[in-house]
Amino acid sequence: MELRFAPLFSGSSGNSLYVGCDGGHLLIDAGVSCARVVAELHKIGVRPELLAGLLVTHEHIDHIRGVGVLSRKYDLPVFATEGTWTAMEEKLGGVAAKNVRVLEPMQDFYLGGMNIMAFDIPHDAAQPVGYTIALGGARFSVATDIGCVRENWLGAVAGSDAVVLESNYDPDMLRAGRYPYALKQRILGRRGHLANDDAGRAAVELVRRGARQIILGHLSKENNFPALAETCCTLALEGEGVRLGEDASLRVAERDGLTGMFSVQMRL
């Protein structure tokens, strides 16, 4: 058995990611319309009504736009922290009481045959989290919407075989761009988003701690390019002696559709 994951959408305009195994299927975030999420799930052969649940990282619209409709249409339980529920509930248009599930960071639980643990992340939201998902020793983590590199989330992600890691912006592009000053300061702040160079340093540390697949995600459409993010991370990894293609692989997630299906093998 293997743990599979597929970034469906990954960028500032919307995020959603599938994780599953032979025993179950999960969705992390639904920041685009229900119809678009369902269309991408069909591409990988997953029927939305078979999802065991929908995990939400935080209440920003690029992560929850389709959550309410998906839950209502397919009777899906929605998992989020108490703070996230408080901040997003009115935005969802109603979720059945039986499908409201409140989780606690660093307290693991099982869903769809997989072990789930949420961990705190530094972001300007009510109670944002990333997720680590494990199956028989295989581990996958989502670490996006992160303002800075800190040991608390690095420690939670350590030992993951594969990580979707934020590489949101290039600082020079951001500063020279058309965003209002206040938004630029928010993104640059320690509870904003992760810059390319910081993502490279984080990737180095994650590979040192066991990661063999790094997928860069949540790239800004206005302040980044996929090739630039990939080059920054490649230089950081190779500068520390990591042999891409041998020690670890590197990929950039697609912003507006399915990137592909990836897998992590269970350890015997």
Foldseek 3Di string as FASTA:
>chain_A
DWKKKWWFAFAPQAGKMWIADPQAIEIEFGLDAPVSVQVQCVVVPDHLLRHQAYEYQAADNRGHVHVLVSCVVNVHAYEDAPQRCVVHVVVSVDHDPVRDHHDDAPDWDDTSQKIKHWFFAQAPGRTGTKIWIDHQQAIEIEAWQHLADDPRVLVVCFSHQEYAHEAAAALVQLVPDDDDPVVSCRCNHRRHGHHLLRSLVSVQSNLVRHYAEYEYGHYYPRGDDQVVSQVNNVCSNVVVPHDDPPSHHYHYAHRNGIPDMDITDNDD
